[in-house]
Amino acid sequence: THDSTNYAVVDVRGLTPPPTTVNTATGGTLDGTFHNSSRVEQRNIVIDVILNGDIEANRQSLYNIFNLKKPSTIFFKNENRDVKIVGYVETLDGDLFSQREQMQISIICPRPYFEDLNTIYTELAMVVRMFEFPFTIEATDPIPFSEIEQFPVATVYNGGDVETGCNFHIDVISSVIGGITIYNTTTQEFFGVNKTMFAGDSLDICTIS
């Protein structure tokens, strides 16, 4: 926080994208290399904190907050992002005999990407709710309670910088012969389950790696 009564955060490193490992191989006398695979490495966030006020008590409080090898959630917010990331405390070090005592906290985040605090929920149903309050019903101007949409389409917008998956929860209200297929109308890609499903069944699909 911006309250420097007890702690003053003077530097934070590791908020920018972590390094990437690119694996390549050579091929005979061909120039250059062949790309085999790439992966983003784990994120290392390092926080430098100057202790103010009761130095000894505040240092002990840091030990309680940032327990070694324990998980810790870091929240980061600016004008465009309000995100979080979970990591494990690697080190909590400092010079106890310096005039201006400063502690350094190192946190290793195995999953390198920040996550939005808010989860996007989109309902996709063949039965579209139409009934709203307040209402008046006249004999010559009826109000539908719902309508059937044969091919419903939902748009899910990813405001982040990298691709991510989705969690699909499907409730079967009537028997389905031949399973369920989910289409990406933009790329024409699709996947699904080739299995007959019956009313009352439910299916959960997670595409987050």
N, C-alpha and C. Protein backbone atom coordinates (compact mmCIF):
# COMPACT_ATOMS: atom_id res chain seq x y z
N THR A 1 0.85 -1.19 0.00
CA THR A 1 0.00 0.00 0.00
C THR A 1 0.88 1.24 0.00
N HIS A 2 0.24 2.39 0.01
CA HIS A 2 0.98 3.66 0.02
C HIS A 2 1.20 4.18 1.43
N ASP A 3 0.86 3.41 2.44
CA ASP A 3 1.08 3.82 3.83
C ASP A 3 2.51 3.44 4.22
N SER A 4 3.37 4.44 4.36
CA SER A 4 4.78 4.19 4.66
C SER A 4 5.10 4.36 6.14
N THR A 5 4.08 4.33 6.99
CA THR A 5 4.32 4.48 8.42
C THR A 5 5.21 3.37 8.95
N ASN A 6 4.93 2.12 8.53
CA ASN A 6 5.71 0.98 8.98
C ASN A 6 6.59 0.39 7.89
N TYR A 7 6.13 0.45 6.63
CA TYR A 7 6.88 -0.14 5.52
C TYR A 7 6.87 0.82 4.34
N ALA A 8 8.00 0.92 3.68
CA ALA A 8 8.09 1.73 2.47
C ALA A 8 8.62 0.84 1.35
N VAL A 9 7.76 0.53 0.38
CA VAL A 9 8.17 -0.29 -0.76
C VAL A 9 8.94 0.61 -1.73
N VAL A 10 10.23 0.32 -1.91
CA VAL A 10 11.09 1.18 -2.73
C VAL A 10 11.36 0.59 -4.11
N ASP A 11 11.11 -0.71 -4.28
CA ASP A 11 11.36 -1.30 -5.60
C ASP A 11 10.62 -2.63 -5.70
N VAL A 12 10.06 -2.90 -6.88
CA VAL A 12 9.42 -4.18 -7.18
C VAL A 12 9.90 -4.61 -8.56
N ARG A 13 10.49 -5.79 -8.64
CA ARG A 13 10.97 -6.33 -9.91
C ARG A 13 10.24 -7.63 -10.20
N GLY A 14 10.04 -7.90 -11.49
CA GLY A 14 9.37 -9.12 -11.90
C GLY A 14 7.94 -8.93 -12.33
N LEU A 15 7.50 -7.68 -12.48
CA LEU A 15 6.12 -7.43 -12.92
C LEU A 15 5.98 -7.50 -14.44
N THR A 16 7.08 -7.29 -15.16
CA THR A 16 7.05 -7.39 -16.62
C THR A 16 7.11 -8.86 -17.03
N PRO A 17 6.83 -9.19 -18.30
CA PRO A 17 6.80 -10.59 -18.72
C PRO A 17 8.10 -11.32 -18.39
N PRO A 18 8.01 -12.55 -17.89
CA PRO A 18 9.21 -13.33 -17.56
C PRO A 18 9.92 -13.80 -18.82
N PRO A 19 11.14 -14.31 -18.69
CA PRO A 19 11.89 -14.77 -19.87
C PRO A 19 11.28 -16.01 -20.49
N THR A 20 11.59 -16.23 -21.76
CA THR A 20 11.11 -17.38 -22.50
C THR A 20 12.29 -18.24 -22.95
N THR A 21 12.13 -19.55 -22.82
CA THR A 21 13.13 -20.48 -23.32
C THR A 21 12.69 -20.98 -24.70
N VAL A 22 13.53 -20.77 -25.71
CA VAL A 22 13.25 -21.20 -27.07
C VAL A 22 14.20 -22.35 -27.40
N ASN A 23 13.65 -23.53 -27.65
CA ASN A 23 14.45 -24.71 -27.96
C ASN A 23 14.56 -24.87 -29.48
N THR A 24 15.80 -24.93 -29.97
CA THR A 24 16.03 -25.07 -31.40
C THR A 24 17.01 -26.21 -31.66
N ALA A 25 17.11 -26.62 -32.92
CA ALA A 25 18.04 -27.68 -33.30
C ALA A 25 18.62 -27.35 -34.67
N THR A 26 19.85 -27.76 -34.88
CA THR A 26 20.49 -27.54 -36.18
C THR A 26 20.18 -28.71 -37.11
N GLY A 27 20.27 -28.44 -38.39
CA GLY A 27 19.99 -29.48 -39.37
C GLY A 27 21.04 -29.55 -40.45
N GLY A 28 22.00 -30.42 -40.29
CA GLY A 28 23.02 -30.63 -41.32
C GLY A 28 23.75 -29.37 -41.70
N THR A 29 23.75 -29.08 -43.01
CA THR A 29 24.44 -27.89 -43.51
C THR A 29 23.49 -26.72 -43.75
N LEU A 30 22.25 -26.85 -43.28
CA LEU A 30 21.27 -25.78 -43.48
C LEU A 30 21.59 -24.60 -42.58
N ASP A 31 21.38 -23.40 -43.13
CA ASP A 31 21.61 -22.20 -42.33
C ASP A 31 20.54 -22.06 -41.26
N GLY A 32 20.93 -21.48 -40.15
CA GLY A 32 19.97 -21.24 -39.09
C GLY A 32 19.65 -22.49 -38.30
N THR A 33 18.51 -22.48 -37.65
CA THR A 33 18.08 -23.62 -36.83
C THR A 33 16.60 -23.88 -37.05
N PHE A 34 16.14 -25.00 -36.50
CA PHE A 34 14.72 -25.36 -36.53
C PHE A 34 14.13 -25.13 -35.15
N HIS A 35 12.96 -24.53 -35.13
CA HIS A 35 12.28 -24.29 -33.85
C HIS A 35 11.58 -25.56 -33.40
N ASN A 36 11.92 -26.03 -32.21
CA ASN A 36 11.28 -27.22 -31.65
C ASN A 36 10.12 -26.88 -30.72
N SER A 37 10.38 -25.99 -29.77
CA SER A 37 9.35 -25.63 -28.80
C SER A 37 9.75 -24.36 -28.08
N SER A 38 8.78 -23.78 -27.42
CA SER A 38 9.03 -22.59 -26.61
C SER A 38 8.18 -22.68 -25.35
N ARG A 39 8.68 -22.09 -24.29
CA ARG A 39 7.89 -22.04 -23.07
C ARG A 39 8.28 -20.81 -22.25
N VAL A 40 7.34 -20.28 -21.52
CA VAL A 40 7.59 -19.15 -20.64
C VAL A 40 8.04 -19.69 -19.28
N GLU A 41 9.13 -19.15 -18.76
CA GLU A 41 9.66 -19.61 -17.48
C GLU A 41 8.82 -19.08 -16.32
N GLN A 42 9.09 -19.60 -15.14
CA GLN A 42 8.40 -19.14 -13.95
C GLN A 42 8.73 -17.67 -13.68
N ARG A 43 7.86 -17.00 -12.96
CA ARG A 43 8.04 -15.58 -12.66
C ARG A 43 8.69 -15.44 -11.28
N ASN A 44 9.64 -14.51 -11.17
CA ASN A 44 10.28 -14.23 -9.90
C ASN A 44 10.03 -12.76 -9.55
N ILE A 45 9.23 -12.53 -8.53
CA ILE A 45 8.91 -11.17 -8.09
C ILE A 45 9.75 -10.86 -6.85
N VAL A 46 10.49 -9.77 -6.91
CA VAL A 46 11.37 -9.35 -5.81
C VAL A 46 10.90 -7.99 -5.32
N ILE A 47 10.63 -7.89 -4.02
CA ILE A 47 10.11 -6.67 -3.41
C ILE A 47 11.13 -6.17 -2.39
N ASP A 48 11.55 -4.92 -2.53
CA ASP A 48 12.45 -4.28 -1.57
C ASP A 48 11.64 -3.36 -0.67
N VAL A 49 11.77 -3.58 0.64
CA VAL A 49 10.97 -2.85 1.62
C VAL A 49 11.89 -2.24 2.67
N ILE A 50 11.72 -0.94 2.94
CA ILE A 50 12.43 -0.27 4.04
C ILE A 50 11.54 -0.28 5.26
N LEU A 51 12.10 -0.67 6.39
CA LEU A 51 11.34 -0.75 7.64
C LEU A 51 11.32 0.61 8.33
N ASN A 52 10.13 1.03 8.75
CA ASN A 52 9.96 2.28 9.48
C ASN A 52 9.32 1.98 10.83
N GLY A 53 9.19 3.00 11.65
CA GLY A 53 8.53 2.83 12.94
C GLY A 53 9.32 1.93 13.86
N ASP A 54 8.63 0.98 14.48
CA ASP A 54 9.27 -0.01 15.34
C ASP A 54 9.94 -1.05 14.45
N ILE A 55 11.22 -0.89 14.19
CA ILE A 55 11.93 -1.72 13.22
C ILE A 55 11.85 -3.20 13.56
N GLU A 56 12.15 -3.54 14.80
CA GLU A 56 12.19 -4.95 15.20
C GLU A 56 10.81 -5.60 15.08
N ALA A 57 9.78 -4.92 15.57
CA ALA A 57 8.42 -5.48 15.52
C ALA A 57 7.94 -5.61 14.08
N ASN A 58 8.23 -4.64 13.25
CA ASN A 58 7.78 -4.70 11.86
C ASN A 58 8.52 -5.78 11.07
N ARG A 59 9.80 -6.02 11.41
CA ARG A 59 10.51 -7.11 10.75
C ARG A 59 9.92 -8.45 11.15
N GLN A 60 9.56 -8.61 12.43
CA GLN A 60 8.91 -9.84 12.86
C GLN A 60 7.56 -10.04 12.18
N SER A 61 6.86 -8.94 11.95
CA SER A 61 5.57 -9.04 11.25
C SER A 61 5.77 -9.51 9.82
N LEU A 62 6.85 -9.06 9.17
CA LEU A 62 7.13 -9.53 7.81
C LEU A 62 7.38 -11.04 7.80
N TYR A 63 8.06 -11.55 8.83
CA TYR A 63 8.29 -13.00 8.91
C TYR A 63 6.96 -13.75 8.97
N ASN A 64 5.98 -13.18 9.67
CA ASN A 64 4.67 -13.84 9.78
C ASN A 64 3.87 -13.75 8.50
N ILE A 65 4.02 -12.63 7.79
CA ILE A 65 3.25 -12.45 6.55
C ILE A 65 3.84 -13.29 5.42
N PHE A 66 5.18 -13.24 5.28
CA PHE A 66 5.85 -13.96 4.20
C PHE A 66 6.60 -15.16 4.78
N ASN A 67 5.85 -16.21 5.09
CA ASN A 67 6.44 -17.44 5.61
C ASN A 67 7.20 -18.15 4.49
N LEU A 68 8.44 -18.56 4.77
CA LEU A 68 9.24 -19.24 3.78
C LEU A 68 8.54 -20.50 3.30
N LYS A 69 8.60 -20.74 1.99
CA LYS A 69 8.05 -21.88 1.26
C LYS A 69 6.52 -21.93 1.26
N LYS A 70 5.88 -20.96 1.88
CA LYS A 70 4.42 -20.94 1.92
C LYS A 70 3.86 -20.11 0.75
N PRO A 71 2.64 -20.41 0.31
CA PRO A 71 2.04 -19.63 -0.78
C PRO A 71 1.70 -18.21 -0.35
N SER A 72 1.83 -17.30 -1.28
CA SER A 72 1.52 -15.90 -1.03
C SER A 72 0.87 -15.32 -2.28
N THR A 73 -0.19 -14.57 -2.09
CA THR A 73 -0.90 -13.96 -3.21
C THR A 73 -0.53 -12.49 -3.31
N ILE A 74 -0.11 -12.08 -4.49
CA ILE A 74 0.28 -10.69 -4.73
C ILE A 74 -0.78 -10.04 -5.61
N PHE A 75 -1.27 -8.89 -5.17
CA PHE A 75 -2.26 -8.13 -5.92
C PHE A 75 -1.58 -6.90 -6.53
N PHE A 76 -1.85 -6.66 -7.81
CA PHE A 76 -1.26 -5.53 -8.51
C PHE A 76 -2.36 -4.79 -9.24
N LYS A 77 -2.38 -3.47 -9.07
CA LYS A 77 -3.45 -2.67 -9.68
C LYS A 77 -2.87 -1.37 -10.22
N ASN A 78 -3.25 -1.04 -11.46
CA ASN A 78 -2.96 0.28 -12.03
C ASN A 78 -4.20 0.75 -12.79
N GLU A 79 -4.03 1.72 -13.67
CA GLU A 79 -5.19 2.28 -14.36
C GLU A 79 -5.88 1.26 -15.26
N ASN A 80 -5.14 0.31 -15.82
CA ASN A 80 -5.70 -0.61 -16.80
C ASN A 80 -5.91 -2.02 -16.28
N ARG A 81 -5.22 -2.42 -15.22
CA ARG A 81 -5.28 -3.81 -14.76
C ARG A 81 -5.55 -3.88 -13.27
N ASP A 82 -6.27 -4.92 -12.89
CA ASP A 82 -6.50 -5.25 -11.48
C ASP A 82 -6.36 -6.76 -11.38
N VAL A 83 -5.15 -7.24 -11.07
CA VAL A 83 -4.81 -8.65 -11.22
C VAL A 83 -4.17 -9.20 -9.96
N LYS A 84 -3.97 -10.52 -9.97
CA LYS A 84 -3.32 -11.20 -8.85
C LYS A 84 -2.49 -12.35 -9.40
N ILE A 85 -1.56 -12.83 -8.56
CA ILE A 85 -0.75 -13.99 -8.91
C ILE A 85 -0.35 -14.68 -7.62
N VAL A 86 -0.24 -16.01 -7.67
CA VAL A 86 0.11 -16.79 -6.49
C VAL A 86 1.54 -17.30 -6.65
N GLY A 87 2.34 -17.11 -5.61
CA GLY A 87 3.71 -17.58 -5.62
C GLY A 87 4.10 -18.14 -4.27
N TYR A 88 5.35 -18.60 -4.19
CA TYR A 88 5.87 -19.19 -2.96
C TYR A 88 7.09 -18.39 -2.52
N VAL A 89 7.14 -18.08 -1.24
CA VAL A 89 8.22 -17.26 -0.70
C VAL A 89 9.53 -18.03 -0.75
N GLU A 90 10.49 -17.50 -1.49
CA GLU A 90 11.80 -18.14 -1.63
C GLU A 90 12.77 -17.65 -0.56
N THR A 91 12.92 -16.34 -0.44
CA THR A 91 13.82 -15.77 0.55
C THR A 91 13.20 -14.52 1.15
N LEU A 92 13.61 -14.21 2.37
CA LEU A 92 13.27 -12.95 3.05
C LEU A 92 14.53 -12.53 3.78
N ASP A 93 15.29 -11.64 3.15
CA ASP A 93 16.64 -11.35 3.62
C ASP A 93 16.82 -9.85 3.82
N GLY A 94 17.81 -9.50 4.65
CA GLY A 94 18.11 -8.10 4.89
C GLY A 94 19.31 -7.96 5.80
N ASP A 95 19.84 -6.74 5.87
CA ASP A 95 20.98 -6.43 6.73
C ASP A 95 20.45 -5.87 8.05
N LEU A 96 20.57 -6.65 9.12
CA LEU A 96 20.00 -6.25 10.41
C LEU A 96 20.80 -5.15 11.09
N PHE A 97 22.01 -4.87 10.62
CA PHE A 97 22.87 -3.91 11.30
C PHE A 97 23.11 -2.64 10.48
N SER A 98 22.32 -2.43 9.46
CA SER A 98 22.45 -1.22 8.66
C SER A 98 21.69 -0.07 9.32
N GLN A 99 22.11 1.15 9.00
CA GLN A 99 21.47 2.33 9.58
C GLN A 99 20.02 2.46 9.10
N ARG A 100 19.80 2.12 7.84
CA ARG A 100 18.46 2.18 7.25
C ARG A 100 18.10 0.76 6.84
N GLU A 101 17.46 0.03 7.75
CA GLU A 101 17.26 -1.41 7.54
C GLU A 101 16.28 -1.64 6.39
N GLN A 102 16.69 -2.53 5.48
CA GLN A 102 15.88 -2.84 4.31
C GLN A 102 15.79 -4.35 4.14
N MET A 103 14.59 -4.83 3.83
CA MET A 103 14.34 -6.25 3.63
C MET A 103 14.04 -6.51 2.16
N GLN A 104 14.46 -7.68 1.68
CA GLN A 104 14.20 -8.07 0.30
C GLN A 104 13.42 -9.38 0.30
N ILE A 105 12.27 -9.38 -0.36
CA ILE A 105 11.38 -10.53 -0.41
C ILE A 105 11.39 -11.09 -1.82
N SER A 106 11.73 -12.36 -1.96
CA SER A 106 11.74 -13.02 -3.27
C SER A 106 10.64 -14.06 -3.31
N ILE A 107 9.77 -13.95 -4.32
CA ILE A 107 8.62 -14.84 -4.44
C ILE A 107 8.68 -15.51 -5.81
N ILE A 108 8.64 -16.84 -5.83
CA ILE A 108 8.65 -17.62 -7.06
C ILE A 108 7.21 -17.98 -7.44
N CYS A 109 6.80 -17.62 -8.66
CA CYS A 109 5.45 -17.91 -9.15
C CYS A 109 5.55 -18.99 -10.24
N PRO A 110 5.24 -20.25 -9.92
CA PRO A 110 5.34 -21.33 -10.92
C PRO A 110 4.47 -21.06 -12.15
N ARG A 111 3.26 -20.55 -11.93
CA ARG A 111 2.41 -20.16 -13.05
C ARG A 111 2.70 -18.69 -13.34
N PRO A 112 3.32 -18.38 -14.49
CA PRO A 112 3.90 -17.05 -14.68
C PRO A 112 2.93 -15.93 -15.01
N TYR A 113 1.66 -16.25 -15.23
CA TYR A 113 0.73 -15.23 -15.71
C TYR A 113 -0.13 -14.68 -14.57
N PHE A 114 -0.36 -13.37 -14.62
CA PHE A 114 -1.30 -12.74 -13.71
C PHE A 114 -2.73 -13.10 -14.12
N GLU A 115 -3.62 -13.16 -13.13
CA GLU A 115 -5.03 -13.45 -13.37
C GLU A 115 -5.88 -12.26 -12.97
N ASP A 116 -6.92 -12.03 -13.75
CA ASP A 116 -7.86 -10.97 -13.42
C ASP A 116 -8.63 -11.34 -12.16
N LEU A 117 -8.93 -10.33 -11.35
CA LEU A 117 -9.69 -10.60 -10.12
C LEU A 117 -11.11 -11.02 -10.43
N ASN A 118 -11.64 -10.56 -11.54
CA ASN A 118 -13.03 -10.85 -11.89
C ASN A 118 -13.09 -11.95 -12.94
N THR A 119 -13.90 -12.96 -12.69
CA THR A 119 -14.11 -14.04 -13.64
C THR A 119 -15.25 -13.68 -14.59
N ILE A 120 -15.07 -13.96 -15.87
CA ILE A 120 -16.09 -13.65 -16.87
C ILE A 120 -17.08 -14.81 -16.95
N TYR A 121 -18.34 -14.53 -16.71
CA TYR A 121 -19.39 -15.54 -16.82
C TYR A 121 -20.30 -15.18 -18.00
N THR A 122 -20.55 -16.15 -18.86
CA THR A 122 -21.45 -15.96 -20.00
C THR A 122 -22.40 -17.14 -20.06
N GLU A 123 -23.69 -16.86 -20.07
CA GLU A 123 -24.69 -17.91 -20.14
C GLU A 123 -25.08 -18.15 -21.60
N LEU A 124 -25.09 -19.41 -21.99
CA LEU A 124 -25.43 -19.79 -23.35
C LEU A 124 -26.54 -20.82 -23.26
N ALA A 125 -27.77 -20.43 -23.57
CA ALA A 125 -28.90 -21.33 -23.41
C ALA A 125 -29.82 -21.24 -24.62
N MET A 126 -30.44 -22.40 -24.95
CA MET A 126 -31.41 -22.41 -26.05
C MET A 126 -32.70 -21.72 -25.63
N VAL A 127 -32.98 -21.72 -24.32
CA VAL A 127 -34.17 -21.04 -23.80
C VAL A 127 -33.74 -19.66 -23.31
N VAL A 128 -34.18 -18.61 -24.00
CA VAL A 128 -33.80 -17.24 -23.67
C VAL A 128 -34.90 -16.62 -22.82
N ARG A 129 -34.54 -16.16 -21.63
CA ARG A 129 -35.52 -15.53 -20.74
C ARG A 129 -36.00 -14.21 -21.33
N MET A 130 -37.32 -14.00 -21.32
CA MET A 130 -37.89 -12.79 -21.88
C MET A 130 -38.72 -12.00 -20.85
N PHE A 131 -39.05 -12.63 -19.73
CA PHE A 131 -39.98 -12.02 -18.77
C PHE A 131 -39.23 -11.04 -17.88
N GLU A 132 -39.75 -9.84 -17.71
CA GLU A 132 -39.12 -8.82 -16.89
C GLU A 132 -40.14 -8.14 -16.01
N PHE A 133 -39.67 -7.60 -14.92
CA PHE A 133 -40.50 -6.79 -14.02
C PHE A 133 -40.08 -5.33 -14.14
N PRO A 134 -41.01 -4.36 -13.97
CA PRO A 134 -42.47 -4.55 -13.81
C PRO A 134 -43.13 -4.91 -15.14
N PHE A 135 -44.37 -5.38 -15.10
CA PHE A 135 -45.02 -5.85 -16.31
C PHE A 135 -46.52 -5.59 -16.24
N THR A 136 -47.10 -5.50 -17.42
CA THR A 136 -48.56 -5.47 -17.57
C THR A 136 -48.90 -6.34 -18.77
N ILE A 137 -49.88 -7.18 -18.60
CA ILE A 137 -50.28 -8.09 -19.67
C ILE A 137 -51.68 -7.74 -20.15
N GLU A 138 -51.79 -7.52 -21.44
CA GLU A 138 -53.08 -7.24 -22.05
C GLU A 138 -53.44 -8.39 -22.99
N ALA A 139 -54.72 -8.58 -23.18
CA ALA A 139 -55.19 -9.69 -24.02
C ALA A 139 -54.73 -9.54 -25.46
N THR A 140 -54.62 -8.31 -25.93
CA THR A 140 -54.21 -8.07 -27.32
C THR A 140 -52.70 -7.93 -27.47
N ASP A 141 -51.99 -7.84 -26.36
CA ASP A 141 -50.54 -7.65 -26.41
C ASP A 141 -49.87 -8.55 -25.38
N PRO A 142 -49.79 -9.85 -25.63
CA PRO A 142 -49.23 -10.79 -24.66
C PRO A 142 -47.71 -10.61 -24.50
N ILE A 143 -47.18 -11.12 -23.38
CA ILE A 143 -45.75 -11.05 -23.09
C ILE A 143 -45.19 -12.47 -23.00
N PRO A 144 -44.16 -12.81 -23.80
CA PRO A 144 -43.60 -14.17 -23.71
C PRO A 144 -42.75 -14.34 -22.46
N PHE A 145 -42.84 -15.51 -21.84
CA PHE A 145 -41.98 -15.83 -20.71
C PHE A 145 -40.58 -16.21 -21.17
N SER A 146 -40.48 -16.85 -22.32
CA SER A 146 -39.18 -17.24 -22.87
C SER A 146 -39.35 -17.57 -24.35
N GLU A 147 -38.21 -17.65 -25.05
CA GLU A 147 -38.21 -18.03 -26.45
C GLU A 147 -37.11 -19.06 -26.69
N ILE A 148 -37.32 -19.88 -27.72
CA ILE A 148 -36.36 -20.91 -28.07
C ILE A 148 -35.43 -20.38 -29.15
N GLU A 149 -34.11 -20.46 -28.90
CA GLU A 149 -33.12 -20.07 -29.88
C GLU A 149 -32.36 -21.32 -30.29
N GLN A 150 -32.46 -21.69 -31.56
CA GLN A 150 -31.93 -22.96 -32.03
C GLN A 150 -30.40 -23.00 -31.98
N PHE A 151 -29.75 -21.92 -32.37
CA PHE A 151 -28.28 -21.91 -32.43
C PHE A 151 -27.74 -20.70 -31.67
N PRO A 152 -27.72 -20.78 -30.35
CA PRO A 152 -27.24 -19.64 -29.56
C PRO A 152 -25.73 -19.45 -29.73
N VAL A 153 -25.29 -18.19 -29.74
CA VAL A 153 -23.88 -17.83 -29.88
C VAL A 153 -23.52 -16.89 -28.75
N ALA A 154 -22.36 -17.13 -28.13
CA ALA A 154 -21.89 -16.27 -27.05
C ALA A 154 -20.52 -15.71 -27.41
N THR A 155 -20.28 -14.47 -27.03
CA THR A 155 -18.99 -13.82 -27.24
C THR A 155 -18.30 -13.65 -25.89
N VAL A 156 -17.11 -14.22 -25.77
CA VAL A 156 -16.31 -14.10 -24.55
C VAL A 156 -15.05 -13.32 -24.90
N TYR A 157 -14.88 -12.15 -24.29
CA TYR A 157 -13.75 -11.27 -24.62
C TYR A 157 -12.64 -11.46 -23.60
N ASN A 158 -11.44 -11.73 -24.08
CA ASN A 158 -10.26 -11.86 -23.25
C ASN A 158 -9.49 -10.54 -23.29
N GLY A 159 -9.50 -9.82 -22.17
CA GLY A 159 -8.82 -8.53 -22.12
C GLY A 159 -7.36 -8.62 -21.79
N GLY A 160 -6.81 -9.83 -21.67
CA GLY A 160 -5.41 -10.00 -21.33
C GLY A 160 -4.50 -9.99 -22.54
N ASP A 161 -3.23 -10.32 -22.29
CA ASP A 161 -2.21 -10.28 -23.34
C ASP A 161 -1.88 -11.65 -23.90
N VAL A 162 -2.35 -12.73 -23.27
CA VAL A 162 -2.02 -14.09 -23.72
C VAL A 162 -3.31 -14.88 -23.86
N GLU A 163 -3.21 -15.98 -24.62
CA GLU A 163 -4.37 -16.86 -24.78
C GLU A 163 -4.65 -17.58 -23.47
N THR A 164 -5.91 -17.88 -23.25
CA THR A 164 -6.29 -18.62 -22.06
C THR A 164 -7.46 -19.52 -22.40
N GLY A 165 -7.73 -20.48 -21.54
CA GLY A 165 -8.83 -21.41 -21.78
C GLY A 165 -10.10 -20.96 -21.09
N CYS A 166 -11.07 -21.86 -21.09
CA CYS A 166 -12.37 -21.59 -20.48
C CYS A 166 -12.83 -22.81 -19.68
N ASN A 167 -13.74 -22.56 -18.78
CA ASN A 167 -14.44 -23.63 -18.08
C ASN A 167 -15.88 -23.68 -18.62
N PHE A 168 -16.28 -24.84 -19.15
CA PHE A 168 -17.62 -25.02 -19.68
C PHE A 168 -18.41 -25.92 -18.72
N HIS A 169 -19.58 -25.47 -18.33
CA HIS A 169 -20.50 -26.30 -17.54
C HIS A 169 -21.79 -26.47 -18.33
N ILE A 170 -22.14 -27.72 -18.62
CA ILE A 170 -23.29 -28.01 -19.47
C ILE A 170 -24.30 -28.84 -18.69
N ASP A 171 -25.53 -28.37 -18.63
CA ASP A 171 -26.64 -29.11 -18.05
C ASP A 171 -27.54 -29.62 -19.18
N VAL A 172 -27.78 -30.91 -19.21
CA VAL A 172 -28.59 -31.53 -20.27
C VAL A 172 -30.04 -31.57 -19.81
N ILE A 173 -30.92 -30.91 -20.57
CA ILE A 173 -32.34 -30.87 -20.20
C ILE A 173 -33.17 -31.87 -21.01
N SER A 174 -32.60 -32.39 -22.10
CA SER A 174 -33.27 -33.44 -22.86
C SER A 174 -32.18 -34.30 -23.51
N SER A 175 -32.52 -35.53 -23.82
CA SER A 175 -31.53 -36.48 -24.33
C SER A 175 -30.85 -35.96 -25.59
N VAL A 176 -29.54 -36.19 -25.66
CA VAL A 176 -28.73 -35.74 -26.79
C VAL A 176 -28.07 -36.97 -27.41
N ILE A 177 -28.40 -37.24 -28.68
CA ILE A 177 -27.80 -38.37 -29.39
C ILE A 177 -26.58 -37.87 -30.15
N GLY A 178 -25.45 -38.52 -29.93
CA GLY A 178 -24.25 -38.14 -30.66
C GLY A 178 -23.37 -37.14 -29.94
N GLY A 179 -23.72 -36.78 -28.72
CA GLY A 179 -22.84 -35.93 -27.93
C GLY A 179 -23.01 -34.45 -28.16
N ILE A 180 -22.02 -33.70 -27.70
CA ILE A 180 -22.06 -32.23 -27.72
C ILE A 180 -20.81 -31.72 -28.40
N THR A 181 -20.97 -30.71 -29.26
CA THR A 181 -19.85 -30.10 -29.95
C THR A 181 -19.85 -28.60 -29.67
N ILE A 182 -18.67 -28.06 -29.34
CA ILE A 182 -18.51 -26.63 -29.07
C ILE A 182 -17.66 -26.05 -30.20
N TYR A 183 -18.19 -25.01 -30.84
CA TYR A 183 -17.54 -24.40 -32.00
C TYR A 183 -16.97 -23.03 -31.65
N ASN A 184 -15.83 -22.72 -32.25
CA ASN A 184 -15.30 -21.36 -32.27
C ASN A 184 -15.68 -20.76 -33.61
N THR A 185 -16.66 -19.87 -33.61
CA THR A 185 -17.19 -19.35 -34.87
C THR A 185 -16.20 -18.45 -35.59
N THR A 186 -15.16 -18.00 -34.90
CA THR A 186 -14.15 -17.14 -35.54
C THR A 186 -13.13 -17.97 -36.30
N THR A 187 -12.61 -19.02 -35.66
CA THR A 187 -11.56 -19.85 -36.28
C THR A 187 -12.10 -21.12 -36.91
N GLN A 188 -13.39 -21.42 -36.68
CA GLN A 188 -14.03 -22.65 -37.17
C GLN A 188 -13.46 -23.90 -36.52
N GLU A 189 -12.74 -23.75 -35.42
CA GLU A 189 -12.26 -24.91 -34.66
C GLU A 189 -13.38 -25.43 -33.77
N PHE A 190 -13.30 -26.71 -33.42
CA PHE A 190 -14.34 -27.27 -32.58
C PHE A 190 -13.79 -28.46 -31.80
N PHE A 191 -14.47 -28.80 -30.72
CA PHE A 191 -14.17 -30.00 -29.95
C PHE A 191 -15.46 -30.40 -29.25
N GLY A 192 -15.46 -31.57 -28.66
CA GLY A 192 -16.68 -32.00 -27.98
C GLY A 192 -16.56 -33.38 -27.40
N VAL A 193 -17.71 -33.95 -27.10
CA VAL A 193 -17.80 -35.28 -26.49
C VAL A 193 -18.72 -36.13 -27.36
N ASN A 194 -18.19 -37.22 -27.89
CA ASN A 194 -18.97 -38.09 -28.76
C ASN A 194 -19.60 -39.20 -27.91
N LYS A 195 -20.64 -38.83 -27.18
CA LYS A 195 -21.29 -39.78 -26.28
C LYS A 195 -22.73 -39.35 -26.06
N THR A 196 -23.63 -40.30 -26.10
CA THR A 196 -25.04 -40.00 -25.88
C THR A 196 -25.24 -39.55 -24.44
N MET A 197 -25.99 -38.44 -24.25
CA MET A 197 -26.25 -37.90 -22.93
C MET A 197 -27.75 -37.84 -22.71
N PHE A 198 -28.16 -37.95 -21.46
CA PHE A 198 -29.57 -38.01 -21.11
C PHE A 198 -29.95 -36.85 -20.20
N ALA A 199 -31.24 -36.56 -20.16
CA ALA A 199 -31.74 -35.48 -19.34
C ALA A 199 -31.30 -35.66 -17.89
N GLY A 200 -30.79 -34.60 -17.30
CA GLY A 200 -30.28 -34.65 -15.93
C GLY A 200 -28.77 -34.80 -15.85
N ASP A 201 -28.15 -35.19 -16.97
CA ASP A 201 -26.68 -35.29 -16.98
C ASP A 201 -26.06 -33.89 -16.95
N SER A 202 -24.85 -33.82 -16.43
CA SER A 202 -24.10 -32.57 -16.47
C SER A 202 -22.68 -32.87 -16.90
N LEU A 203 -22.05 -31.91 -17.55
CA LEU A 203 -20.72 -32.09 -18.10
C LEU A 203 -19.89 -30.85 -17.83
N ASP A 204 -18.67 -31.06 -17.33
CA ASP A 204 -17.73 -29.97 -17.09
C ASP A 204 -16.50 -30.19 -17.96
N ILE A 205 -16.11 -29.15 -18.72
CA ILE A 205 -14.94 -29.20 -19.58
C ILE A 205 -14.05 -28.01 -19.23
N CYS A 206 -12.79 -28.28 -18.95
CA CYS A 206 -11.83 -27.22 -18.65
C CYS A 206 -10.73 -27.24 -19.70
N THR A 207 -10.52 -26.11 -20.38
CA THR A 207 -9.49 -26.02 -21.40
C THR A 207 -8.32 -25.15 -20.95
N ILE A 208 -8.22 -24.90 -19.64
CA ILE A 208 -7.12 -24.13 -19.10
C ILE A 208 -5.96 -25.07 -18.79
N SER A 209 -4.82 -24.85 -19.44
CA SER A 209 -3.67 -25.74 -19.26
C SER A 209 -2.98 -25.45 -17.94
